[in-house]
All heavy atoms as atom14 arrays in JSON, in Angstrom:
{
  "sequence": "ERKYQLKQIYQGQIYQLWAQMLCLTEMGYEVESLAFYETSTNKSIPVQ",
  "atom14_mask": [
    [1, 1, 1, 1, 1, 1, 1, 1, 1, 0, 0, 0, 0, 0],
    [1, 1, 1, 1, 1, 1, 1, 1, 1, 1, 1, 0, 0, 0],
    [1, 1, 1, 1, 1, 1, 1, 1, 1, 0, 0, 0, 0, 0],
    [1, 1, 1, 1, 1, 1, 1, 1, 1, 1, 1, 1, 0, 0],
    [1, 1, 1, 1, 1, 1, 1, 1, 1, 0, 0, 0, 0, 0],
    [1, 1, 1, 1, 1, 1, 1, 1, 0, 0, 0, 0, 0, 0],
    [1, 1, 1, 1, 1, 1, 1, 1, 1, 0, 0, 0, 0, 0],
    [1, 1, 1, 1, 1, 1, 1, 1, 1, 0, 0, 0, 0, 0],
    [1, 1, 1, 1, 1, 1, 1, 1, 0, 0, 0, 0, 0, 0],
    [1, 1, 1, 1, 1, 1, 1, 1, 1, 1, 1, 1, 0, 0],
    [1, 1, 1, 1, 1, 1, 1, 1, 1, 0, 0, 0, 0, 0],
    [1, 1, 1, 1, 0, 0, 0, 0, 0, 0, 0, 0, 0, 0],
    [1, 1, 1, 1, 1, 1, 1, 1, 1, 0, 0, 0, 0, 0],
    [1, 1, 1, 1, 1, 1, 1, 1, 0, 0, 0, 0, 0, 0],
    [1, 1, 1, 1, 1, 1, 1, 1, 1, 1, 1, 1, 0, 0],
    [1, 1, 1, 1, 1, 1, 1, 1, 1, 0, 0, 0, 0, 0],
    [1, 1, 1, 1, 1, 1, 1, 1, 0, 0, 0, 0, 0, 0],
    [1, 1, 1, 1, 1, 1, 1, 1, 1, 1, 1, 1, 1, 1],
    [1, 1, 1, 1, 1, 0, 0, 0, 0, 0, 0, 0, 0, 0],
    [1, 1, 1, 1, 1, 1, 1, 1, 1, 0, 0, 0, 0, 0],
    [1, 1, 1, 1, 1, 1, 1, 1, 0, 0, 0, 0, 0, 0],
    [1, 1, 1, 1, 1, 1, 1, 1, 0, 0, 0, 0, 0, 0],
    [1, 1, 1, 1, 1, 1, 0, 0, 0, 0, 0, 0, 0, 0],
    [1, 1, 1, 1, 1, 1, 1, 1, 0, 0, 0, 0, 0, 0],
    [1, 1, 1, 1, 1, 1, 1, 0, 0, 0, 0, 0, 0, 0],
    [1, 1, 1, 1, 1, 1, 1, 1, 1, 0, 0, 0, 0, 0],
    [1, 1, 1, 1, 1, 1, 1, 1, 0, 0, 0, 0, 0, 0],
    [1, 1, 1, 1, 0, 0, 0, 0, 0, 0, 0, 0, 0, 0],
    [1, 1, 1, 1, 1, 1, 1, 1, 1, 1, 1, 1, 0, 0],
    [1, 1, 1, 1, 1, 1, 1, 1, 1, 0, 0, 0, 0, 0],
    [1, 1, 1, 1, 1, 1, 1, 0, 0, 0, 0, 0, 0, 0],
    [1, 1, 1, 1, 1, 1, 1, 1, 1, 0, 0, 0, 0, 0],
    [1, 1, 1, 1, 1, 1, 0, 0, 0, 0, 0, 0, 0, 0],
    [1, 1, 1, 1, 1, 1, 1, 1, 0, 0, 0, 0, 0, 0],
    [1, 1, 1, 1, 1, 0, 0, 0, 0, 0, 0, 0, 0, 0],
    [1, 1, 1, 1, 1, 1, 1, 1, 1, 1, 1, 0, 0, 0],
    [1, 1, 1, 1, 1, 1, 1, 1, 1, 1, 1, 1, 0, 0],
    [1, 1, 1, 1, 1, 1, 1, 1, 1, 0, 0, 0, 0, 0],
    [1, 1, 1, 1, 1, 1, 1, 0, 0, 0, 0, 0, 0, 0],
    [1, 1, 1, 1, 1, 1, 0, 0, 0, 0, 0, 0, 0, 0],
    [1, 1, 1, 1, 1, 1, 1, 0, 0, 0, 0, 0, 0, 0],
    [1, 1, 1, 1, 1, 1, 1, 1, 0, 0, 0, 0, 0, 0],
    [1, 1, 1, 1, 1, 1, 1, 1, 1, 0, 0, 0, 0, 0],
    [1, 1, 1, 1, 1, 1, 0, 0, 0, 0, 0, 0, 0, 0],
    [1, 1, 1, 1, 1, 1, 1, 1, 0, 0, 0, 0, 0, 0],
    [1, 1, 1, 1, 1, 1, 1, 0, 0, 0, 0, 0, 0, 0],
    [1, 1, 1, 1, 1, 1, 1, 0, 0, 0, 0, 0, 0, 0],
    [1, 1, 1, 1, 1, 1, 1, 1, 1, 0, 0, 0, 0, 0]
  ],
  "atom14_positions": [
    [[17.39, 4.66, 1.66], [16.17, 5.38, 2.14], [16.63, 6.62, 2.88], [17.4, 6.56, 3.86], [15.37, 4.46, 3.05], [14.18, 5.12, 3.81], [13.08, 5.53, 2.83], [13.0, 5.02, 1.68], [12.34, 6.47, 3.22], [0.0, 0.0, 0.0], [0.0, 0.0, 0.0], [0.0, 0.0, 0.0], [0.0, 0.0, 0.0], [0.0, 0.0, 0.0]],
    [[16.2, 7.77, 2.48], [16.64, 9.04, 3.08], [15.62, 9.4, 4.27], [14.4, 9.27, 4.13], [16.6, 10.15, 2.04], [17.72, 9.94, 1.07], [17.62, 10.85, -0.13], [17.48, 12.23, 0.13], [18.4, 13.1, -0.15], [19.52, 12.81, -0.75], [18.17, 14.42, 0.16], [0.0, 0.0, 0.0], [0.0, 0.0, 0.0], [0.0, 0.0, 0.0]],
    [[16.18, 9.85, 5.31], [15.44, 10.32, 6.48], [16.05, 11.66, 6.95], [17.27, 11.74, 6.82], [15.49, 9.3, 7.67], [14.91, 7.94, 7.33], [13.45, 7.9, 7.15], [12.9, 6.48, 7.03], [11.5, 6.5, 6.64], [0.0, 0.0, 0.0], [0.0, 0.0, 0.0], [0.0, 0.0, 0.0], [0.0, 0.0, 0.0], [0.0, 0.0, 0.0]],
    [[15.26, 12.52, 7.47], [15.79, 13.79, 7.91], [16.72, 13.54, 9.18], [17.85, 14.06, 9.19], [14.69, 14.79, 8.32], [15.28, 16.06, 8.85], [15.86, 16.99, 8.0], [15.22, 16.31, 10.23], [16.45, 18.16, 8.54], [15.78, 17.49, 10.75], [16.39, 18.41, 9.9], [16.97, 19.51, 10.39], [0.0, 0.0, 0.0], [0.0, 0.0, 0.0]],
    [[16.22, 12.79, 10.09], [16.93, 12.53, 11.31], [16.57, 11.14, 11.89], [15.4, 10.71, 11.9], [16.58, 13.58, 12.41], [17.38, 13.55, 13.59], [17.07, 14.66, 14.49], [15.95, 14.99, 14.8], [18.09, 15.38, 15.0], [0.0, 0.0, 0.0], [0.0, 0.0, 0.0], [0.0, 0.0, 0.0], [0.0, 0.0, 0.0], [0.0, 0.0, 0.0]],
    [[17.64, 10.42, 12.28], [17.41, 9.04, 12.85], [18.11, 8.92, 14.21], [19.25, 8.64, 14.34], [18.03, 8.01, 11.89], [17.28, 7.73, 10.69], [18.09, 6.92, 9.66], [15.97, 6.99, 10.91], [0.0, 0.0, 0.0], [0.0, 0.0, 0.0], [0.0, 0.0, 0.0], [0.0, 0.0, 0.0], [0.0, 0.0, 0.0], [0.0, 0.0, 0.0]],
    [[17.31, 9.29, 15.27], [17.88, 9.12, 16.6], [17.9, 7.68, 16.96], [18.81, 7.24, 17.69], [16.95, 9.86, 17.64], [17.02, 11.36, 17.38], [16.17, 12.1, 18.46], [16.14, 13.59, 18.18], [15.25, 14.32, 19.05], [0.0, 0.0, 0.0], [0.0, 0.0, 0.0], [0.0, 0.0, 0.0], [0.0, 0.0, 0.0], [0.0, 0.0, 0.0]],
    [[16.99, 6.89, 16.41], [16.92, 5.5, 16.64], [16.31, 4.83, 15.36], [15.4, 5.44, 14.76], [16.04, 5.19, 17.84], [15.84, 3.78, 18.17], [15.04, 3.5, 19.43], [14.75, 4.44, 20.17], [14.57, 2.29, 19.61], [0.0, 0.0, 0.0], [0.0, 0.0, 0.0], [0.0, 0.0, 0.0], [0.0, 0.0, 0.0], [0.0, 0.0, 0.0]],
    [[16.79, 3.72, 15.04], [16.17, 2.96, 13.86], [15.24, 1.96, 14.4], [15.67, 1.07, 15.15], [17.29, 2.4, 12.96], [18.17, 3.53, 12.36], [16.65, 1.5, 11.8], [19.33, 3.04, 11.57], [0.0, 0.0, 0.0], [0.0, 0.0, 0.0], [0.0, 0.0, 0.0], [0.0, 0.0, 0.0], [0.0, 0.0, 0.0], [0.0, 0.0, 0.0]],
    [[14.0, 2.03, 13.98], [12.96, 1.08, 14.42], [12.84, -0.06, 13.48], [13.17, 0.08, 12.27], [11.63, 1.81, 14.64], [11.68, 2.87, 15.74], [11.88, 4.17, 15.43], [11.49, 2.46, 17.07], [12.0, 5.17, 16.51], [11.59, 3.43, 18.09], [11.79, 4.73, 17.76], [11.84, 5.67, 18.76], [0.0, 0.0, 0.0], [0.0, 0.0, 0.0]],
    [[12.36, -1.13, 13.93], [12.09, -2.29, 13.07], [11.17, -2.0, 11.85], [11.46, -2.46, 10.75], [11.49, -3.48, 13.88], [11.45, -4.79, 13.09], [12.85, -5.34, 12.74], [13.75, -5.36, 13.59], [12.99, -5.72, 11.49], [0.0, 0.0, 0.0], [0.0, 0.0, 0.0], [0.0, 0.0, 0.0], [0.0, 0.0, 0.0], [0.0, 0.0, 0.0]],
    [[10.21, -1.13, 12.04], [9.31, -0.74, 10.95], [10.1, -0.02, 9.84], [9.79, -0.18, 8.64], [0.0, 0.0, 0.0], [0.0, 0.0, 0.0], [0.0, 0.0, 0.0], [0.0, 0.0, 0.0], [0.0, 0.0, 0.0], [0.0, 0.0, 0.0], [0.0, 0.0, 0.0], [0.0, 0.0, 0.0], [0.0, 0.0, 0.0], [0.0, 0.0, 0.0]],
    [[11.13, 0.72, 10.21], [11.92, 1.45, 9.23], [12.78, 0.44, 8.45], [12.97, 0.49, 7.21], [12.82, 2.49, 9.83], [12.01, 3.63, 10.42], [12.81, 4.57, 11.34], [13.5, 4.09, 12.21], [12.61, 5.79, 11.16], [0.0, 0.0, 0.0], [0.0, 0.0, 0.0], [0.0, 0.0, 0.0], [0.0, 0.0, 0.0], [0.0, 0.0, 0.0]],
    [[13.3, -0.56, 9.12], [14.03, -1.64, 8.46], [13.13, -2.41, 7.57], [13.48, -2.72, 6.42], [14.78, -2.55, 9.5], [15.83, -1.74, 10.2], [15.33, -3.77, 8.87], [16.48, -2.4, 11.36], [0.0, 0.0, 0.0], [0.0, 0.0, 0.0], [0.0, 0.0, 0.0], [0.0, 0.0, 0.0], [0.0, 0.0, 0.0], [0.0, 0.0, 0.0]],
    [[11.9, -2.75, 8.02], [10.91, -3.43, 7.16], [10.59, -2.62, 5.92], [10.46, -3.12, 4.82], [9.66, -3.7, 7.89], [9.72, -4.87, 8.85], [8.67, -5.2, 9.72], [10.84, -5.79, 8.88], [8.68, -6.27, 10.55], [10.79, -6.89, 9.73], [9.78, -7.12, 10.55], [9.79, -8.21, 11.36], [0.0, 0.0, 0.0], [0.0, 0.0, 0.0]],
    [[10.54, -1.3, 6.02], [10.29, -0.46, 4.91], [11.44, -0.64, 3.84], [11.15, -0.8, 2.67], [10.26, 1.05, 5.33], [10.13, 2.03, 4.18], [10.28, 3.47, 4.62], [10.75, 3.79, 5.67], [9.91, 4.41, 3.72], [0.0, 0.0, 0.0], [0.0, 0.0, 0.0], [0.0, 0.0, 0.0], [0.0, 0.0, 0.0], [0.0, 0.0, 0.0]],
    [[12.64, -0.64, 4.27], [13.8, -0.78, 3.39], [13.79, -2.18, 2.82], [14.03, -2.36, 1.6], [15.07, -0.58, 4.19], [16.34, -0.18, 3.41], [16.16, 0.94, 2.42], [17.45, 0.21, 4.38], [0.0, 0.0, 0.0], [0.0, 0.0, 0.0], [0.0, 0.0, 0.0], [0.0, 0.0, 0.0], [0.0, 0.0, 0.0], [0.0, 0.0, 0.0]],
    [[13.53, -3.2, 3.62], [13.42, -4.56, 3.06], [12.32, -4.7, 2.02], [12.52, -5.34, 1.0], [13.22, -5.54, 4.15], [14.31, -5.82, 5.11], [15.57, -5.26, 5.07], [14.29, -6.65, 6.3], [16.33, -5.73, 6.14], [15.58, -6.54, 6.9], [13.33, -7.4, 6.88], [15.9, -7.23, 8.05], [13.65, -8.07, 8.02], [14.93, -8.01, 8.59]],
    [[11.18, -4.09, 2.3], [10.06, -4.09, 1.36], [10.44, -3.51, 0.01], [10.16, -4.1, -1.09], [8.86, -3.47, 1.92], [0.0, 0.0, 0.0], [0.0, 0.0, 0.0], [0.0, 0.0, 0.0], [0.0, 0.0, 0.0], [0.0, 0.0, 0.0], [0.0, 0.0, 0.0], [0.0, 0.0, 0.0], [0.0, 0.0, 0.0], [0.0, 0.0, 0.0]],
    [[11.14, -2.41, 0.07], [11.61, -1.77, -1.17], [12.59, -2.6, -1.89], [12.56, -2.77, -3.14], [12.23, -0.38, -0.8], [11.28, 0.62, -0.29], [11.93, 1.89, 0.25], [13.14, 1.97, 0.35], [11.1, 2.82, 0.67], [0.0, 0.0, 0.0], [0.0, 0.0, 0.0], [0.0, 0.0, 0.0], [0.0, 0.0, 0.0], [0.0, 0.0, 0.0]],
    [[13.48, -3.26, -1.14], [14.49, -4.16, -1.71], [13.82, -5.34, -2.43], [14.15, -5.71, -3.51], [15.46, -4.62, -0.64], [16.49, -5.66, -1.2], [16.95, -6.88, 0.02], [15.5, -7.68, 0.45], [0.0, 0.0, 0.0], [0.0, 0.0, 0.0], [0.0, 0.0, 0.0], [0.0, 0.0, 0.0], [0.0, 0.0, 0.0], [0.0, 0.0, 0.0]],
    [[12.82, -5.91, -1.76], [12.09, -7.08, -2.32], [11.39, -6.7, -3.61], [11.39, -7.46, -4.53], [11.13, -7.66, -1.3], [11.81, -8.35, -0.07], [10.8, -8.59, 1.02], [12.49, -9.6, -0.5], [0.0, 0.0, 0.0], [0.0, 0.0, 0.0], [0.0, 0.0, 0.0], [0.0, 0.0, 0.0], [0.0, 0.0, 0.0], [0.0, 0.0, 0.0]],
    [[10.76, -5.51, -3.58], [10.08, -5.01, -4.78], [11.12, -4.84, -5.95], [10.85, -5.28, -7.05], [9.36, -3.68, -4.53], [7.93, -3.87, -3.44], [0.0, 0.0, 0.0], [0.0, 0.0, 0.0], [0.0, 0.0, 0.0], [0.0, 0.0, 0.0], [0.0, 0.0, 0.0], [0.0, 0.0, 0.0], [0.0, 0.0, 0.0], [0.0, 0.0, 0.0]],
    [[12.19, -4.13, -5.65], [13.23, -3.86, -6.67], [13.78, -5.15, -7.23], [13.94, -5.34, -8.4], [14.41, -3.06, -6.08], [14.37, -1.56, -6.14], [15.64, -1.01, -5.49], [14.16, -1.06, -7.56], [0.0, 0.0, 0.0], [0.0, 0.0, 0.0], [0.0, 0.0, 0.0], [0.0, 0.0, 0.0], [0.0, 0.0, 0.0], [0.0, 0.0, 0.0]],
    [[14.06, -6.12, -6.38], [14.59, -7.44, -6.77], [13.6, -8.16, -7.7], [14.03, -8.67, -8.74], [14.95, -8.28, -5.54], [15.87, -7.56, -4.71], [15.6, -9.58, -5.95], [0.0, 0.0, 0.0], [0.0, 0.0, 0.0], [0.0, 0.0, 0.0], [0.0, 0.0, 0.0], [0.0, 0.0, 0.0], [0.0, 0.0, 0.0], [0.0, 0.0, 0.0]],
    [[12.39, -8.15, -7.32], [11.34, -8.83, -8.12], [11.2, -8.12, -9.49], [10.88, -8.73, -10.48], [10.03, -8.83, -7.36], [8.93, -9.69, -7.99], [7.69, -9.84, -7.17], [7.82, -9.95, -5.93], [6.61, -9.82, -7.77], [0.0, 0.0, 0.0], [0.0, 0.0, 0.0], [0.0, 0.0, 0.0], [0.0, 0.0, 0.0], [0.0, 0.0, 0.0]],
    [[11.49, -6.8, -9.5], [11.38, -6.11, -10.77], [12.64, -6.21, -11.67], [12.72, -5.64, -12.69], [11.21, -4.54, -10.41], [9.81, -4.29, -9.8], [9.59, -2.63, -9.17], [9.9, -1.61, -10.57], [0.0, 0.0, 0.0], [0.0, 0.0, 0.0], [0.0, 0.0, 0.0], [0.0, 0.0, 0.0], [0.0, 0.0, 0.0], [0.0, 0.0, 0.0]],
    [[13.65, -6.96, -11.1], [14.83, -7.28, -11.92], [16.07, -6.5, -11.62], [17.1, -6.65, -12.25], [0.0, 0.0, 0.0], [0.0, 0.0, 0.0], [0.0, 0.0, 0.0], [0.0, 0.0, 0.0], [0.0, 0.0, 0.0], [0.0, 0.0, 0.0], [0.0, 0.0, 0.0], [0.0, 0.0, 0.0], [0.0, 0.0, 0.0], [0.0, 0.0, 0.0]],
    [[16.05, -5.7, -10.54], [17.2, -4.98, -10.13], [17.99, -5.83, -9.14], [17.5, -6.57, -8.36], [16.91, -3.66, -9.41], [16.24, -2.66, -10.41], [14.85, -2.67, -10.61], [16.99, -1.74, -11.07], [14.27, -1.73, -11.44], [16.38, -0.82, -11.92], [15.06, -0.77, -12.09], [14.43, 0.11, -12.99], [0.0, 0.0, 0.0], [0.0, 0.0, 0.0]],
    [[19.35, -5.7, -9.16], [20.21, -6.31, -8.17], [20.43, -5.37, -6.99], [20.88, -4.26, -7.21], [21.54, -6.71, -8.84], [21.47, -7.91, -9.71], [22.86, -8.29, -10.27], [23.72, -8.64, -9.38], [23.06, -8.17, -11.48], [0.0, 0.0, 0.0], [0.0, 0.0, 0.0], [0.0, 0.0, 0.0], [0.0, 0.0, 0.0], [0.0, 0.0, 0.0]],
    [[20.18, -5.87, -5.8], [20.48, -5.03, -4.61], [21.45, -5.84, -3.76], [21.16, -6.95, -3.34], [19.12, -4.74, -3.86], [19.45, -3.91, -2.59], [18.13, -4.04, -4.72], [0.0, 0.0, 0.0], [0.0, 0.0, 0.0], [0.0, 0.0, 0.0], [0.0, 0.0, 0.0], [0.0, 0.0, 0.0], [0.0, 0.0, 0.0], [0.0, 0.0, 0.0]],
    [[22.59, -5.27, -3.55], [23.65, -5.88, -2.78], [23.8, -5.36, -1.39], [24.32, -5.97, -0.49], [24.99, -5.96, -3.5], [24.94, -6.83, -4.76], [26.23, -6.85, -5.5], [27.21, -6.18, -5.06], [26.33, -7.55, -6.47], [0.0, 0.0, 0.0], [0.0, 0.0, 0.0], [0.0, 0.0, 0.0], [0.0, 0.0, 0.0], [0.0, 0.0, 0.0]],
    [[23.34, -4.09, -1.18], [23.45, -3.47, 0.12], [22.33, -2.46, 0.3], [21.74, -1.92, -0.62], [24.87, -2.79, 0.28], [25.13, -1.88, -0.75], [0.0, 0.0, 0.0], [0.0, 0.0, 0.0], [0.0, 0.0, 0.0], [0.0, 0.0, 0.0], [0.0, 0.0, 0.0], [0.0, 0.0, 0.0], [0.0, 0.0, 0.0], [0.0, 0.0, 0.0]],
    [[22.11, -2.15, 1.55], [21.0, -1.26, 2.01], [21.63, -0.23, 2.98], [22.55, -0.52, 3.67], [19.96, -2.02, 2.74], [19.35, -3.27, 2.06], [18.5, -4.06, 3.04], [18.53, -2.83, 0.87], [0.0, 0.0, 0.0], [0.0, 0.0, 0.0], [0.0, 0.0, 0.0], [0.0, 0.0, 0.0], [0.0, 0.0, 0.0], [0.0, 0.0, 0.0]],
    [[20.99, 0.98, 2.94], [21.43, 2.02, 3.86], [20.34, 3.03, 4.03], [19.45, 3.27, 3.24], [22.68, 2.7, 3.31], [0.0, 0.0, 0.0], [0.0, 0.0, 0.0], [0.0, 0.0, 0.0], [0.0, 0.0, 0.0], [0.0, 0.0, 0.0], [0.0, 0.0, 0.0], [0.0, 0.0, 0.0], [0.0, 0.0, 0.0], [0.0, 0.0, 0.0]],
    [[20.41, 3.68, 5.25], [19.62, 4.92, 5.48], [20.64, 6.06, 5.27], [21.82, 5.91, 5.51], [19.1, 4.92, 6.94], [18.01, 4.0, 7.17], [18.16, 2.9, 7.93], [16.72, 4.24, 6.62], [17.11, 2.0, 8.2], [15.73, 3.32, 6.86], [15.93, 2.23, 7.61], [0.0, 0.0, 0.0], [0.0, 0.0, 0.0], [0.0, 0.0, 0.0]],
    [[20.12, 7.16, 4.84], [20.91, 8.35, 4.68], [20.27, 9.44, 5.5], [19.07, 9.79, 5.2], [21.06, 8.82, 3.25], [21.81, 10.12, 3.08], [23.17, 10.14, 3.25], [21.08, 11.3, 2.76], [23.84, 11.37, 3.13], [21.73, 12.53, 2.67], [23.12, 12.52, 2.76], [23.82, 13.72, 2.71], [0.0, 0.0, 0.0], [0.0, 0.0, 0.0]],
    [[20.96, 9.97, 6.51], [20.36, 10.95, 7.37], [20.77, 12.35, 6.82], [21.97, 12.7, 6.88], [20.98, 10.76, 8.79], [20.27, 11.66, 9.85], [20.75, 11.38, 11.22], [22.01, 11.35, 11.44], [19.92, 11.28, 12.11], [0.0, 0.0, 0.0], [0.0, 0.0, 0.0], [0.0, 0.0, 0.0], [0.0, 0.0, 0.0], [0.0, 0.0, 0.0]],
    [[19.82, 13.07, 6.3], [20.12, 14.31, 5.62], [20.58, 15.38, 6.62], [21.37, 16.26, 6.22], [18.9, 14.81, 4.77], [17.8, 15.02, 5.66], [18.54, 13.8, 3.72], [0.0, 0.0, 0.0], [0.0, 0.0, 0.0], [0.0, 0.0, 0.0], [0.0, 0.0, 0.0], [0.0, 0.0, 0.0], [0.0, 0.0, 0.0], [0.0, 0.0, 0.0]],
    [[20.06, 15.35, 7.8], [20.45, 16.44, 8.77], [21.9, 16.37, 9.16], [22.48, 17.39, 9.6], [19.55, 16.36, 10.03], [19.78, 15.15, 10.72], [0.0, 0.0, 0.0], [0.0, 0.0, 0.0], [0.0, 0.0, 0.0], [0.0, 0.0, 0.0], [0.0, 0.0, 0.0], [0.0, 0.0, 0.0], [0.0, 0.0, 0.0], [0.0, 0.0, 0.0]],
    [[22.57, 15.2, 9.08], [23.89, 15.04, 9.45], [24.81, 14.66, 8.29], [26.03, 14.49, 8.48], [24.13, 14.0, 10.58], [23.63, 12.75, 10.07], [23.33, 14.37, 11.83], [0.0, 0.0, 0.0], [0.0, 0.0, 0.0], [0.0, 0.0, 0.0], [0.0, 0.0, 0.0], [0.0, 0.0, 0.0], [0.0, 0.0, 0.0], [0.0, 0.0, 0.0]],
    [[24.21, 14.37, 7.11], [24.91, 13.93, 5.93], [25.69, 12.58, 6.17], [26.81, 12.44, 5.76], [25.88, 15.03, 5.48], [26.42, 14.79, 4.05], [25.68, 14.25, 3.25], [27.61, 15.28, 3.76], [0.0, 0.0, 0.0], [0.0, 0.0, 0.0], [0.0, 0.0, 0.0], [0.0, 0.0, 0.0], [0.0, 0.0, 0.0], [0.0, 0.0, 0.0]],
    [[24.99, 11.73, 6.92], [25.59, 10.4, 7.2], [24.84, 9.26, 6.6], [23.61, 9.27, 6.56], [25.64, 10.22, 8.77], [26.64, 11.07, 9.48], [26.61, 10.75, 10.95], [27.61, 11.74, 11.67], [27.55, 11.49, 13.12], [0.0, 0.0, 0.0], [0.0, 0.0, 0.0], [0.0, 0.0, 0.0], [0.0, 0.0, 0.0], [0.0, 0.0, 0.0]],
    [[25.61, 8.26, 6.2], [25.01, 7.05, 5.63], [25.11, 6.0, 6.72], [26.16, 5.84, 7.4], [25.84, 6.61, 4.4], [25.21, 5.46, 3.84], [0.0, 0.0, 0.0], [0.0, 0.0, 0.0], [0.0, 0.0, 0.0], [0.0, 0.0, 0.0], [0.0, 0.0, 0.0], [0.0, 0.0, 0.0], [0.0, 0.0, 0.0], [0.0, 0.0, 0.0]],
    [[24.02, 5.25, 6.95], [23.96, 4.27, 8.03], [23.64, 2.95, 7.31], [22.46, 2.72, 6.86], [22.87, 4.62, 9.04], [23.16, 5.97, 9.61], [22.8, 3.53, 10.1], [21.96, 6.66, 10.31], [0.0, 0.0, 0.0], [0.0, 0.0, 0.0], [0.0, 0.0, 0.0], [0.0, 0.0, 0.0], [0.0, 0.0, 0.0], [0.0, 0.0, 0.0]],
    [[24.67, 2.02, 7.25], [24.41, 0.76, 6.61], [23.43, -0.12, 7.34], [23.35, -0.06, 8.59], [25.75, 0.05, 6.58], [26.78, 1.07, 7.03], [26.03, 2.15, 7.67], [0.0, 0.0, 0.0], [0.0, 0.0, 0.0], [0.0, 0.0, 0.0], [0.0, 0.0, 0.0], [0.0, 0.0, 0.0], [0.0, 0.0, 0.0], [0.0, 0.0, 0.0]],
    [[22.7, -0.9, 6.61], [21.7, -1.79, 7.17], [22.02, -3.16, 6.63], [22.24, -3.35, 5.42], [20.25, -1.43, 6.76], [19.2, -2.44, 7.22], [19.93, -0.03, 7.39], [0.0, 0.0, 0.0], [0.0, 0.0, 0.0], [0.0, 0.0, 0.0], [0.0, 0.0, 0.0], [0.0, 0.0, 0.0], [0.0, 0.0, 0.0], [0.0, 0.0, 0.0]],
    [[21.98, -4.22, 7.5], [22.26, -5.61, 7.04], [21.26, -6.06, 6.09], [20.03, -5.75, 6.24], [22.31, -6.47, 8.29], [23.49, -6.3, 9.16], [24.79, -6.7, 8.49], [24.89, -7.75, 7.86], [25.82, -5.87, 8.64], [0.0, 0.0, 0.0], [0.0, 0.0, 0.0], [0.0, 0.0, 0.0], [0.0, 0.0, 0.0], [0.0, 0.0, 0.0]]
  ]
}
């Protein structure tokens, strides 16, 4: 999930990523890891 800037990661943002993962999985895709990508700093932030 790409975000311009993440000063803090809120539970709602994690829920957004989980919801996307649950949808993808139900659609037949395998998801083994999750991450936010902060475009302003070019950093990947792993999410459990």
